[in-house]
């Protein structure tokens, strides 16, 4: 799952060199448009619907955060 998330991020933001330790929000890499675009791509790729209340920076700061959000949305 993490590799697929990395692939999606690389497609959305080809201008960044993705590293496992990145903090997308804390490091100022993602803005609100990036998060909305990522949510749409994740919903489509994983067949989920991320709840609107979960579209907040704390759910998108790291790859682990994003992976946990996907797993929670699959339940």
Protein backbone atom coordinates (compact mmCIF):
# COMPACT_ATOMS: atom_id res chain seq x y z
CA UNK A 1 0.00 0.00 0.00
CA UNK A 2 2.79 2.43 0.86
CA UNK A 3 4.38 2.03 -2.57
CA UNK A 4 1.05 2.84 -4.23
CA UNK A 5 0.69 5.95 -2.03
CA UNK A 6 4.20 7.02 -3.04
CA UNK A 7 3.32 6.53 -6.70
CA UNK A 8 0.19 8.67 -6.36
CA UNK A 9 2.13 11.44 -4.60
CA UNK A 10 4.86 11.29 -7.26
CA UNK A 11 2.21 11.72 -9.97
CA UNK A 12 0.57 14.64 -8.16
CA UNK A 13 3.83 16.35 -7.21
CA UNK A 14 6.57 15.32 -9.67
CA UNK A 15 8.57 18.33 -8.48
CA UNK A 16 9.47 16.76 -5.12
CA UNK A 17 11.94 14.00 -4.33
CA UNK A 18 9.89 11.70 -2.16
CA UNK A 19 11.55 10.36 0.98
CA UNK A 20 10.01 8.04 3.60
CA UNK A 21 10.81 10.47 6.41
CA UNK A 22 9.11 13.49 4.81
CA UNK A 23 6.60 15.49 6.79
CA UNK A 24 4.42 16.88 4.03
CA UNK A 25 2.55 19.42 6.14
CA UNK A 26 5.22 20.38 8.69
CA UNK A 27 7.80 20.86 5.93
CA UNK A 28 5.40 22.97 3.83
CA UNK A 29 5.37 20.49 0.93
CA UNK A 30 1.58 20.03 0.67
CA UNK A 31 -0.91 22.85 0.53
CA UNK A 32 -4.68 22.54 0.72
CA UNK A 33 -5.00 21.93 -3.03
CA UNK A 34 -2.48 19.07 -2.79
CA UNK A 35 -4.51 17.47 0.00
CA UNK A 36 -7.77 17.73 -1.94
CA UNK A 37 -6.10 16.26 -5.04
CA UNK A 38 -4.57 13.48 -2.97
CA UNK A 39 -7.92 12.63 -1.36
CA UNK A 40 -9.54 12.31 -4.78
CA UNK A 41 -6.72 10.09 -6.06
CA UNK A 42 -6.76 7.89 -2.94
CA UNK A 43 -10.54 7.52 -3.07
CA UNK A 44 -10.33 6.38 -6.68
CA UNK A 45 -7.29 4.11 -6.28
CA UNK A 46 -8.40 2.32 -3.12
CA UNK A 47 -12.17 2.39 -3.70
CA UNK A 48 -12.80 4.32 -0.51
CA UNK A 49 -14.52 7.51 0.55
CA UNK A 50 -12.48 9.56 2.99
CA UNK A 51 -14.81 11.32 5.42
CA UNK A 52 -14.76 15.11 5.16
CA UNK A 53 -13.86 15.42 8.83
CA UNK A 54 -10.65 13.51 8.07
CA UNK A 55 -9.49 16.01 5.46
CA UNK A 56 -7.19 17.78 7.90
CA UNK A 57 -3.43 18.30 7.94
CA UNK A 58 -2.79 15.81 10.76
CA UNK A 59 -4.00 12.95 8.52
CA UNK A 60 -1.63 13.87 5.68
CA UNK A 61 1.66 14.78 7.35
CA UNK A 62 3.55 11.51 6.77
CA UNK A 63 3.26 8.42 4.61
CA UNK A 64 2.28 6.49 7.75
CA UNK A 65 -0.49 9.00 8.52
CA UNK A 66 -1.88 8.62 5.00
CA UNK A 67 -1.67 4.83 5.16
CA UNK A 68 -3.51 4.77 8.52
CA UNK A 69 -6.23 7.02 7.08
CA UNK A 70 -6.73 4.67 4.13
CA UNK A 71 -6.94 1.62 6.38
CA UNK A 72 -9.47 3.40 8.60
CA UNK A 73 -11.53 4.40 5.55
CA UNK A 74 -11.61 0.81 4.30
CA UNK A 75 -13.52 -0.40 7.36
